[in-house]
Full PDB file with SEQRES, HELIX, SHEET, SSBOND, CRYST1, ORIGX, SCALE, CONECT and MASTER records, all heavy atoms in Angstrom:
SEQRES   1 A   35  THR LYS ARG LEU LYS LYS MET ASP LYS ILE GLY LYS ASN          
SEQRES   2 A   35  ALA MET GLY VAL MET ARG PHE GLN PRO ALA LEU ASN ARG          
SEQRES   3 A   35  ILE LEU LEU LYS GLU PHE ALA TYR THR                          
HELIX    1 AA1 LYS A    2  ASN A   13  1                                  12    
HELIX    2 AA2 PHE A   20  LEU A   28  1                                   9    
CRYST1    1.000    1.000    1.000  90.00  90.00  90.00 P 1           1          
ORIGX1      1.000000  0.000000  0.000000        0.00000                         
ORIGX2      0.000000  1.000000  0.000000        0.00000                         
ORIGX3      0.000000  0.000000  1.000000        0.00000                         
SCALE1      1.000000  0.000000  0.000000        0.00000                         
SCALE2      0.000000  1.000000  0.000000        0.00000                         
SCALE3      0.000000  0.000000  1.000000        0.00000                         
ATOM      1  N   THR A   1       0.784  -1.197   0.106  1.00  0.00           N  
ATOM      2  CA  THR A   1       0.022   0.074  -0.083  1.00  0.00           C  
ATOM      3  C   THR A   1       0.867   1.264  -0.003  1.00  0.00           C  
ATOM      4  O   THR A   1       0.599   2.314  -0.841  1.00  0.00           O  
ATOM      5  CB  THR A   1      -0.924  -0.049   1.250  1.00  0.00           C  
ATOM      6  OG1 THR A   1      -1.799  -1.124   1.179  1.00  0.00           O  
ATOM      7  CG2 THR A   1      -1.765   1.217   1.226  1.00  0.00           C  
ATOM      8  N   LYS A   2       1.988   1.290   0.765  1.00  0.00           N  
ATOM      9  CA  LYS A   2       2.828   2.425   0.919  1.00  0.00           C  
ATOM     10  C   LYS A   2       3.444   2.491  -0.476  1.00  0.00           C  
ATOM     11  O   LYS A   2       3.776   3.638  -0.916  1.00  0.00           O  
ATOM     12  CB  LYS A   2       3.845   2.226   1.978  1.00  0.00           C  
ATOM     13  CG  LYS A   2       3.244   2.265   3.412  1.00  0.00           C  
ATOM     14  CD  LYS A   2       4.259   2.109   4.444  1.00  0.00           C  
ATOM     15  CE  LYS A   2       3.704   2.301   5.825  1.00  0.00           C  
ATOM     16  NZ  LYS A   2       4.729   2.078   6.941  1.00  0.00           N  
ATOM     17  N   ARG A   3       3.785   1.412  -1.130  1.00  0.00           N  
ATOM     18  CA  ARG A   3       4.429   1.470  -2.422  1.00  0.00           C  
ATOM     19  C   ARG A   3       3.669   2.099  -3.511  1.00  0.00           C  
ATOM     20  O   ARG A   3       4.020   2.909  -4.207  1.00  0.00           O  
ATOM     21  CB  ARG A   3       4.822   0.018  -2.797  1.00  0.00           C  
ATOM     22  CG  ARG A   3       5.594  -0.070  -4.161  1.00  0.00           C  
ATOM     23  CD  ARG A   3       7.016   0.496  -3.938  1.00  0.00           C  
ATOM     24  NE  ARG A   3       7.765   0.338  -5.200  1.00  0.00           N  
ATOM     25  CZ  ARG A   3       8.887   1.060  -5.366  1.00  0.00           C  
ATOM     26  NH1 ARG A   3       9.379   1.800  -4.446  1.00  0.00           N  
ATOM     27  NH2 ARG A   3       9.655   0.962  -6.433  1.00  0.00           N  
ATOM     28  N   LEU A   4       2.338   1.925  -3.464  1.00  0.00           N  
ATOM     29  CA  LEU A   4       1.455   2.472  -4.450  1.00  0.00           C  
ATOM     30  C   LEU A   4       1.412   4.088  -4.217  1.00  0.00           C  
ATOM     31  O   LEU A   4       1.454   4.830  -5.186  1.00  0.00           O  
ATOM     32  CB  LEU A   4       0.051   2.015  -4.316  1.00  0.00           C  
ATOM     33  CG  LEU A   4      -0.427   0.796  -5.111  1.00  0.00           C  
ATOM     34  CD1 LEU A   4      -1.806   0.418  -4.907  1.00  0.00           C  
ATOM     35  CD2 LEU A   4      -0.112   0.887  -6.589  1.00  0.00           C  
ATOM     36  N   LYS A   5       1.483   4.409  -2.928  1.00  0.00           N  
ATOM     37  CA  LYS A   5       1.453   5.900  -2.700  1.00  0.00           C  
ATOM     38  C   LYS A   5       2.637   6.545  -3.162  1.00  0.00           C  
ATOM     39  O   LYS A   5       2.728   7.711  -3.736  1.00  0.00           O  
ATOM     40  CB  LYS A   5       1.341   6.177  -1.211  1.00  0.00           C  
ATOM     41  CG  LYS A   5      -0.027   5.820  -0.624  1.00  0.00           C  
ATOM     42  CD  LYS A   5      -0.084   6.032   0.860  1.00  0.00           C  
ATOM     43  CE  LYS A   5      -1.433   5.634   1.392  1.00  0.00           C  
ATOM     44  NZ  LYS A   5      -1.528   5.807   2.824  1.00  0.00           N  
ATOM     45  N   LYS A   6       3.866   5.781  -3.101  1.00  0.00           N  
ATOM     46  CA  LYS A   6       5.129   6.320  -3.727  1.00  0.00           C  
ATOM     47  C   LYS A   6       5.041   6.476  -5.183  1.00  0.00           C  
ATOM     48  O   LYS A   6       5.504   7.388  -5.816  1.00  0.00           O  
ATOM     49  CB  LYS A   6       6.228   5.467  -3.211  1.00  0.00           C  
ATOM     50  CG  LYS A   6       6.646   5.547  -1.871  1.00  0.00           C  
ATOM     51  CD  LYS A   6       7.410   6.929  -1.537  1.00  0.00           C  
ATOM     52  CE  LYS A   6       7.921   7.073  -0.101  1.00  0.00           C  
ATOM     53  NZ  LYS A   6       8.511   8.282   0.171  1.00  0.00           N  
ATOM     54  N   MET A   7       4.423   5.390  -5.814  1.00  0.00           N  
ATOM     55  CA  MET A   7       4.324   5.445  -7.295  1.00  0.00           C  
ATOM     56  C   MET A   7       3.473   6.548  -7.658  1.00  0.00           C  
ATOM     57  O   MET A   7       3.848   7.154  -8.798  1.00  0.00           O  
ATOM     58  CB  MET A   7       3.691   4.050  -7.751  1.00  0.00           C  
ATOM     59  CG  MET A   7       4.435   2.950  -7.521  1.00  0.00           C  
ATOM     60  SD  MET A   7       6.004   2.806  -8.428  1.00  0.00           S  
ATOM     61  CE  MET A   7       7.159   3.450  -7.044  1.00  0.00           C  
ATOM     62  N   ASP A   8       2.456   7.056  -7.029  1.00  0.00           N  
ATOM     63  CA  ASP A   8       1.660   8.091  -7.460  1.00  0.00           C  
ATOM     64  C   ASP A   8       2.453   9.364  -7.302  1.00  0.00           C  
ATOM     65  O   ASP A   8       2.435  10.239  -8.267  1.00  0.00           O  
ATOM     66  CB  ASP A   8       0.466   8.163  -6.387  1.00  0.00           C  
ATOM     67  CG  ASP A   8      -0.515   9.257  -6.860  1.00  0.00           C  
ATOM     68  OD1 ASP A   8      -1.181   9.100  -7.853  1.00  0.00           O  
ATOM     69  OD2 ASP A   8      -0.637  10.232  -6.124  1.00  0.00           O  
ATOM     70  N   LYS A   9       3.324   9.491  -6.366  1.00  0.00           N  
ATOM     71  CA  LYS A   9       4.138  10.748  -6.232  1.00  0.00           C  
ATOM     72  C   LYS A   9       5.285  10.695  -7.372  1.00  0.00           C  
ATOM     73  O   LYS A   9       5.625  11.781  -7.872  1.00  0.00           O  
ATOM     74  CB  LYS A   9       4.817  10.743  -4.883  1.00  0.00           C  
ATOM     75  CG  LYS A   9       3.847  11.033  -3.757  1.00  0.00           C  
ATOM     76  CD  LYS A   9       4.506  11.081  -2.428  1.00  0.00           C  
ATOM     77  CE  LYS A   9       3.454  11.412  -1.276  1.00  0.00           C  
ATOM     78  NZ  LYS A   9       4.133  11.472   0.110  1.00  0.00           N  
ATOM     79  N   ILE A  10       5.709   9.494  -7.657  1.00  0.00           N  
ATOM     80  CA  ILE A  10       6.779   9.461  -8.663  1.00  0.00           C  
ATOM     81  C   ILE A  10       6.224   9.893 -10.048  1.00  0.00           C  
ATOM     82  O   ILE A  10       6.818  10.544 -10.819  1.00  0.00           O  
ATOM     83  CB  ILE A  10       7.361   8.006  -8.846  1.00  0.00           C  
ATOM     84  CG1 ILE A  10       8.292   7.720  -7.504  1.00  0.00           C  
ATOM     85  CG2 ILE A  10       8.142   7.768 -10.047  1.00  0.00           C  
ATOM     86  CD1 ILE A  10       8.669   6.338  -7.421  1.00  0.00           C  
ATOM     87  N   GLY A  11       4.954   9.393 -10.300  1.00  0.00           N  
ATOM     88  CA  GLY A  11       4.288   9.812 -11.420  1.00  0.00           C  
ATOM     89  C   GLY A  11       4.028  11.185 -11.630  1.00  0.00           C  
ATOM     90  O   GLY A  11       4.138  11.864 -12.780  1.00  0.00           O  
ATOM     91  N   LYS A  12       3.734  11.870 -10.605  1.00  0.00           N  
ATOM     92  CA  LYS A  12       3.458  13.359 -10.534  1.00  0.00           C  
ATOM     93  C   LYS A  12       4.944  14.160 -10.739  1.00  0.00           C  
ATOM     94  O   LYS A  12       4.906  15.244 -11.311  1.00  0.00           O  
ATOM     95  CB  LYS A  12       2.945  13.729  -9.345  1.00  0.00           C  
ATOM     96  CG  LYS A  12       1.480  13.347  -9.062  1.00  0.00           C  
ATOM     97  CD  LYS A  12       0.816  13.736  -7.742  1.00  0.00           C  
ATOM     98  CE  LYS A  12      -0.574  13.341  -7.526  1.00  0.00           C  
ATOM     99  NZ  LYS A  12      -1.116  13.550  -6.280  1.00  0.00           N  
ATOM    100  N   ASN A  13       5.991  13.480 -10.233  1.00  0.00           N  
ATOM    101  CA  ASN A  13       7.269  14.177 -10.320  1.00  0.00           C  
ATOM    102  C   ASN A  13       7.884  14.001 -11.717  1.00  0.00           C  
ATOM    103  O   ASN A  13       8.630  14.883 -12.128  1.00  0.00           O  
ATOM    104  CB  ASN A  13       8.230  13.551  -9.326  1.00  0.00           C  
ATOM    105  CG  ASN A  13       8.037  14.187  -7.931  1.00  0.00           C  
ATOM    106  OD1 ASN A  13       7.230  15.124  -7.730  1.00  0.00           O  
ATOM    107  ND2 ASN A  13       8.628  13.576  -6.908  1.00  0.00           N  
ATOM    108  N   ALA A  14       7.557  12.990 -12.391  1.00  0.00           N  
ATOM    109  CA  ALA A  14       8.251  12.703 -13.709  1.00  0.00           C  
ATOM    110  C   ALA A  14       7.938  13.818 -14.768  1.00  0.00           C  
ATOM    111  O   ALA A  14       6.716  14.360 -14.836  1.00  0.00           O  
ATOM    112  CB  ALA A  14       7.856  11.353 -14.225  1.00  0.00           C  
ATOM    113  N   MET A  15       8.837  14.271 -15.624  1.00  0.00           N  
ATOM    114  CA  MET A  15       8.550  15.163 -16.621  1.00  0.00           C  
ATOM    115  C   MET A  15       7.792  14.731 -17.774  1.00  0.00           C  
ATOM    116  O   MET A  15       7.409  15.331 -18.697  1.00  0.00           O  
ATOM    117  CB  MET A  15       9.924  15.813 -17.061  1.00  0.00           C  
ATOM    118  CG  MET A  15      10.837  14.809 -17.741  1.00  0.00           C  
ATOM    119  SD  MET A  15      12.280  15.675 -18.511  1.00  0.00           S  
ATOM    120  CE  MET A  15      11.589  16.498 -19.833  1.00  0.00           C  
ATOM    121  N   GLY A  16       7.817  13.295 -17.939  1.00  0.00           N  
ATOM    122  CA  GLY A  16       7.086  12.694 -19.030  1.00  0.00           C  
ATOM    123  C   GLY A  16       7.310  11.249 -19.089  1.00  0.00           C  
ATOM    124  O   GLY A  16       8.054  10.580 -18.180  1.00  0.00           O  
ATOM    125  N   VAL A  17       6.662  10.465 -20.007  1.00  0.00           N  
ATOM    126  CA  VAL A  17       6.700   9.097 -20.138  1.00  0.00           C  
ATOM    127  C   VAL A  17       7.452   8.850 -21.520  1.00  0.00           C  
ATOM    128  O   VAL A  17       7.160   9.367 -22.545  1.00  0.00           O  
ATOM    129  CB  VAL A  17       5.239   8.443 -20.257  1.00  0.00           C  
ATOM    130  CG1 VAL A  17       5.427   6.919 -20.579  1.00  0.00           C  
ATOM    131  CG2 VAL A  17       4.485   8.668 -18.971  1.00  0.00           C  
ATOM    132  N   MET A  18       8.534   8.144 -21.457  1.00  0.00           N  
ATOM    133  CA  MET A  18       9.406   8.030 -22.505  1.00  0.00           C  
ATOM    134  C   MET A  18      10.066   6.525 -22.437  1.00  0.00           C  
ATOM    135  O   MET A  18      10.546   6.098 -21.469  1.00  0.00           O  
ATOM    136  CB  MET A  18      10.432   9.030 -22.450  1.00  0.00           C  
ATOM    137  CG  MET A  18      11.194   9.344 -23.703  1.00  0.00           C  
ATOM    138  SD  MET A  18      12.355  10.783 -23.704  1.00  0.00           S  
ATOM    139  CE  MET A  18      11.182  12.007 -23.115  1.00  0.00           C  
ATOM    140  N   ARG A  19      10.306   5.933 -23.761  1.00  0.00           N  
ATOM    141  CA  ARG A  19      11.062   4.704 -23.733  1.00  0.00           C  
ATOM    142  C   ARG A  19      12.543   4.929 -23.462  1.00  0.00           C  
ATOM    143  O   ARG A  19      12.963   6.077 -23.526  1.00  0.00           O  
ATOM    144  CB  ARG A  19      10.746   4.111 -25.155  1.00  0.00           C  
ATOM    145  CG  ARG A  19       9.459   3.499 -25.481  1.00  0.00           C  
ATOM    146  CD  ARG A  19       9.318   2.988 -26.857  1.00  0.00           C  
ATOM    147  NE  ARG A  19       7.909   2.398 -27.001  1.00  0.00           N  
ATOM    148  CZ  ARG A  19       7.603   1.178 -26.683  1.00  0.00           C  
ATOM    149  NH1 ARG A  19       8.587   0.364 -26.262  1.00  0.00           N  
ATOM    150  NH2 ARG A  19       6.547   0.729 -26.866  1.00  0.00           N  
ATOM    151  N   PHE A  20      13.217   3.858 -23.200  1.00  0.00           N  
ATOM    152  CA  PHE A  20      14.617   3.968 -22.812  1.00  0.00           C  
ATOM    153  C   PHE A  20      15.521   4.691 -23.743  1.00  0.00           C  
ATOM    154  O   PHE A  20      16.181   5.671 -23.432  1.00  0.00           O  
ATOM    155  CB  PHE A  20      15.175   2.670 -22.501  1.00  0.00           C  
ATOM    156  CG  PHE A  20      14.533   1.970 -21.231  1.00  0.00           C  
ATOM    157  CD1 PHE A  20      14.627   0.551 -21.067  1.00  0.00           C  
ATOM    158  CD2 PHE A  20      14.094   2.705 -20.258  1.00  0.00           C  
ATOM    159  CE1 PHE A  20      14.152  -0.081 -19.960  1.00  0.00           C  
ATOM    160  CE2 PHE A  20      13.498   2.118 -19.104  1.00  0.00           C  
ATOM    161  CZ  PHE A  20      13.552   0.754 -18.959  1.00  0.00           C  
ATOM    162  N   GLN A  21      15.424   4.264 -24.972  1.00  0.00           N  
ATOM    163  CA  GLN A  21      16.532   4.851 -25.899  1.00  0.00           C  
ATOM    164  C   GLN A  21      16.188   6.283 -26.217  1.00  0.00           C  
ATOM    165  O   GLN A  21      17.136   7.165 -26.158  1.00  0.00           O  
ATOM    166  CB  GLN A  21      16.433   4.112 -27.304  1.00  0.00           C  
ATOM    167  CG  GLN A  21      17.542   4.420 -28.314  1.00  0.00           C  
ATOM    168  CD  GLN A  21      18.876   4.188 -27.621  1.00  0.00           C  
ATOM    169  OE1 GLN A  21      19.232   3.090 -27.134  1.00  0.00           O  
ATOM    170  NE2 GLN A  21      19.821   5.202 -27.678  1.00  0.00           N  
ATOM    171  N   PRO A  22      14.948   6.740 -26.444  1.00  0.00           N  
ATOM    172  CA  PRO A  22      14.825   8.216 -26.622  1.00  0.00           C  
ATOM    173  C   PRO A  22      15.295   8.992 -25.343  1.00  0.00           C  
ATOM    174  O   PRO A  22      15.776  10.123 -25.533  1.00  0.00           O  
ATOM    175  CB  PRO A  22      13.298   8.309 -26.877  1.00  0.00           C  
ATOM    176  CG  PRO A  22      12.887   7.004 -27.458  1.00  0.00           C  
ATOM    177  CD  PRO A  22      13.724   6.063 -26.703  1.00  0.00           C  
ATOM    178  N   ALA A  23      14.930   8.420 -24.272  1.00  0.00           N  
ATOM    179  CA  ALA A  23      15.270   9.093 -22.948  1.00  0.00           C  
ATOM    180  C   ALA A  23      16.806   9.237 -22.869  1.00  0.00           C  
ATOM    181  O   ALA A  23      17.345  10.245 -22.576  1.00  0.00           O  
ATOM    182  CB  ALA A  23      14.743   8.282 -21.687  1.00  0.00           C  
ATOM    183  N   LEU A  24      17.450   8.143 -23.226  1.00  0.00           N  
ATOM    184  CA  LEU A  24      18.979   8.081 -23.213  1.00  0.00           C  
ATOM    185  C   LEU A  24      19.496   9.189 -24.141  1.00  0.00           C  
ATOM    186  O   LEU A  24      20.449  10.017 -23.854  1.00  0.00           O  
ATOM    187  CB  LEU A  24      19.567   6.766 -23.527  1.00  0.00           C  
ATOM    188  CG  LEU A  24      21.031   6.678 -23.558  1.00  0.00           C  
ATOM    189  CD1 LEU A  24      21.597   6.815 -22.163  1.00  0.00           C  
ATOM    190  CD2 LEU A  24      21.379   5.232 -23.893  1.00  0.00           C  
ATOM    191  N   ASN A  25      18.982   9.248 -25.350  1.00  0.00           N  
ATOM    192  CA  ASN A  25      19.310  10.258 -26.316  1.00  0.00           C  
ATOM    193  C   ASN A  25      19.290  11.706 -25.821  1.00  0.00           C  
ATOM    194  O   ASN A  25      20.149  12.517 -25.984  1.00  0.00           O  
ATOM    195  CB  ASN A  25      18.640  10.083 -27.627  1.00  0.00           C  
ATOM    196  CG  ASN A  25      18.954   8.778 -28.374  1.00  0.00           C  
ATOM    197  OD1 ASN A  25      19.926   8.109 -28.105  1.00  0.00           O  
ATOM    198  ND2 ASN A  25      18.057   8.304 -29.214  1.00  0.00           N  
ATOM    199  N   ARG A  26      18.198  11.875 -25.144  1.00  0.00           N  
ATOM    200  CA  ARG A  26      17.865  13.271 -24.755  1.00  0.00           C  
ATOM    201  C   ARG A  26      18.782  13.591 -23.607  1.00  0.00           C  
ATOM    202  O   ARG A  26      19.070  14.795 -23.353  1.00  0.00           O  
ATOM    203  CB  ARG A  26      16.470  13.482 -24.459  1.00  0.00           C  
ATOM    204  CG  ARG A  26      15.568  13.473 -25.699  1.00  0.00           C  
ATOM    205  CD  ARG A  26      14.207  13.619 -25.541  1.00  0.00           C  
ATOM    206  NE  ARG A  26      13.756  14.887 -24.916  1.00  0.00           N  
ATOM    207  CZ  ARG A  26      12.625  15.218 -24.769  1.00  0.00           C  
ATOM    208  NH1 ARG A  26      11.486  14.420 -24.932  1.00  0.00           N  
ATOM    209  NH2 ARG A  26      12.285  16.399 -24.316  1.00  0.00           N  
ATOM    210  N   ILE A  27      19.163  12.648 -22.805  1.00  0.00           N  
ATOM    211  CA  ILE A  27      20.073  12.859 -21.567  1.00  0.00           C  
ATOM    212  C   ILE A  27      21.449  13.165 -22.236  1.00  0.00           C  
ATOM    213  O   ILE A  27      22.082  14.221 -21.740  1.00  0.00           O  
ATOM    214  CB  ILE A  27      20.236  11.654 -20.774  1.00  0.00           C  
ATOM    215  CG1 ILE A  27      19.054  11.385 -19.846  1.00  0.00           C  
ATOM    216  CG2 ILE A  27      21.371  11.669 -19.844  1.00  0.00           C  
ATOM    217  CD1 ILE A  27      18.847  10.243 -19.083  1.00  0.00           C  
ATOM    218  N   LEU A  28      21.875  12.551 -23.177  1.00  0.00           N  
ATOM    219  CA  LEU A  28      23.147  12.804 -23.848  1.00  0.00           C  
ATOM    220  C   LEU A  28      23.126  14.253 -24.549  1.00  0.00           C  
ATOM    221  O   LEU A  28      24.111  14.899 -24.648  1.00  0.00           O  
ATOM    222  CB  LEU A  28      23.558  11.739 -24.872  1.00  0.00           C  
ATOM    223  CG  LEU A  28      23.890  10.346 -24.353  1.00  0.00           C  
ATOM    224  CD1 LEU A  28      24.022   9.321 -25.432  1.00  0.00           C  
ATOM    225  CD2 LEU A  28      25.228  10.467 -23.664  1.00  0.00           C  
ATOM    226  N   LEU A  29      21.905  14.672 -24.952  1.00  0.00           N  
ATOM    227  CA  LEU A  29      21.753  16.058 -25.547  1.00  0.00           C  
ATOM    228  C   LEU A  29      21.552  17.141 -24.448  1.00  0.00           C  
ATOM    229  O   LEU A  29      21.374  18.246 -24.750  1.00  0.00           O  
ATOM    230  CB  LEU A  29      20.611  16.019 -26.549  1.00  0.00           C  
ATOM    231  CG  LEU A  29      20.801  15.186 -27.773  1.00  0.00           C  
ATOM    232  CD1 LEU A  29      19.538  15.160 -28.550  1.00  0.00           C  
ATOM    233  CD2 LEU A  29      21.941  15.894 -28.678  1.00  0.00           C  
ATOM    234  N   LYS A  30      21.622  16.760 -23.152  1.00  0.00           N  
ATOM    235  CA  LYS A  30      21.500  17.664 -22.000  1.00  0.00           C  
ATOM    236  C   LYS A  30      20.189  18.238 -21.913  1.00  0.00           C  
ATOM    237  O   LYS A  30      19.904  19.319 -21.447  1.00  0.00           O  
ATOM    238  CB  LYS A  30      22.619  18.763 -22.143  1.00  0.00           C  
ATOM    239  CG  LYS A  30      24.008  18.212 -22.125  1.00  0.00           C  
ATOM    240  CD  LYS A  30      25.010  19.280 -22.080  1.00  0.00           C  
ATOM    241  CE  LYS A  30      26.365  18.835 -22.032  1.00  0.00           C  
ATOM    242  NZ  LYS A  30      27.366  20.006 -21.944  1.00  0.00           N  
ATOM    243  N   GLU A  31      19.055  17.579 -22.508  1.00  0.00           N  
ATOM    244  CA  GLU A  31      17.783  18.107 -22.359  1.00  0.00           C  
ATOM    245  C   GLU A  31      17.167  17.800 -20.995  1.00  0.00           C  
ATOM    246  O   GLU A  31      16.327  18.665 -20.565  1.00  0.00           O  
ATOM    247  CB  GLU A  31      16.773  17.437 -23.465  1.00  0.00           C  
ATOM    248  CG  GLU A  31      17.240  17.856 -24.913  1.00  0.00           C  
ATOM    249  CD  GLU A  31      16.315  17.316 -25.911  1.00  0.00           C  
ATOM    250  OE1 GLU A  31      15.037  16.917 -25.522  1.00  0.00           O  
ATOM    251  OE2 GLU A  31      16.602  17.402 -27.094  1.00  0.00           O  
ATOM    252  N   PHE A  32      17.606  16.886 -20.342  1.00  0.00           N  
ATOM    253  CA  PHE A  32      17.328  16.669 -18.898  1.00  0.00           C  
ATOM    254  C   PHE A  32      18.390  15.758 -18.322  1.00  0.00           C  
ATOM    255  O   PHE A  32      19.271  15.188 -19.035  1.00  0.00           O  
ATOM    256  CB  PHE A  32      15.872  15.927 -18.597  1.00  0.00           C  
ATOM    257  CG  PHE A  32      15.640  14.759 -19.342  1.00  0.00           C  
ATOM    258  CD1 PHE A  32      16.019  13.487 -18.775  1.00  0.00           C  
ATOM    259  CD2 PHE A  32      15.105  14.747 -20.703  1.00  0.00           C  
ATOM    260  CE1 PHE A  32      15.584  12.310 -19.517  1.00  0.00           C  
ATOM    261  CE2 PHE A  32      14.771  13.662 -21.247  1.00  0.00           C  
ATOM    262  CZ  PHE A  32      15.077  12.348 -20.735  1.00  0.00           C  
ATOM    263  N   ALA A  33      18.423  15.564 -16.964  1.00  0.00           N  
ATOM    264  CA  ALA A  33      19.639  15.111 -16.314  1.00  0.00           C  
ATOM    265  C   ALA A  33      19.634  13.663 -16.106  1.00  0.00           C  
ATOM    266  O   ALA A  33      20.768  13.006 -16.365  1.00  0.00           O  
ATOM    267  CB  ALA A  33      19.712  15.712 -14.881  1.00  0.00           C  
ATOM    268  N   TYR A  34      18.588  12.805 -15.914  1.00  0.00           N  
ATOM    269  CA  TYR A  34      18.628  11.495 -15.666  1.00  0.00           C  
ATOM    270  C   TYR A  34      17.422  10.641 -15.835  1.00  0.00           C  
ATOM    271  O   TYR A  34      16.341  11.307 -15.955  1.00  0.00           O  
ATOM    272  CB  TYR A  34      19.224  11.238 -14.223  1.00  0.00           C  
ATOM    273  CG  TYR A  34      18.588  12.116 -13.145  1.00  0.00           C  
ATOM    274  CD1 TYR A  34      17.376  11.721 -12.617  1.00  0.00           C  
ATOM    275  CD2 TYR A  34      19.294  13.169 -12.653  1.00  0.00           C  
ATOM    276  CE1 TYR A  34      16.767  12.554 -11.612  1.00  0.00           C  
ATOM    277  CE2 TYR A  34      18.697  14.084 -11.682  1.00  0.00           C  
ATOM    278  CZ  TYR A  34      17.497  13.616 -11.157  1.00  0.00           C  
ATOM    279  OH  TYR A  34      16.974  14.499 -10.083  1.00  0.00           O  
ATOM    280  N   THR A  35      17.461   9.435 -15.861  1.00  0.00           N  
ATOM    281  CA  THR A  35      16.312   8.520 -15.868  1.00  0.00           C  
ATOM    282  C   THR A  35      16.727   7.245 -15.359  1.00  0.00           C  
ATOM    283  O   THR A  35      17.794   6.706 -15.318  1.00  0.00           O  
ATOM    284  CB  THR A  35      15.749   8.486 -17.383  1.00  0.00           C  
ATOM    285  OG1 THR A  35      14.467   7.936 -17.409  1.00  0.00           O  
ATOM    286  CG2 THR A  35      16.667   7.423 -18.157  1.00  0.00           C  
TER     287      THR A  35                                                      
MASTER        0    0    0    2    0    0    0    6  286    1    0    3          
END                                                                             
């Protein structure tokens, strides 16, 4: 139950939903810091 609450907060904090490779490419381009 506590885990679900954390997942809700993580979802609100995320800047977006993205597959691994596009996210990695954008990290290398310095569009955001980490994933």
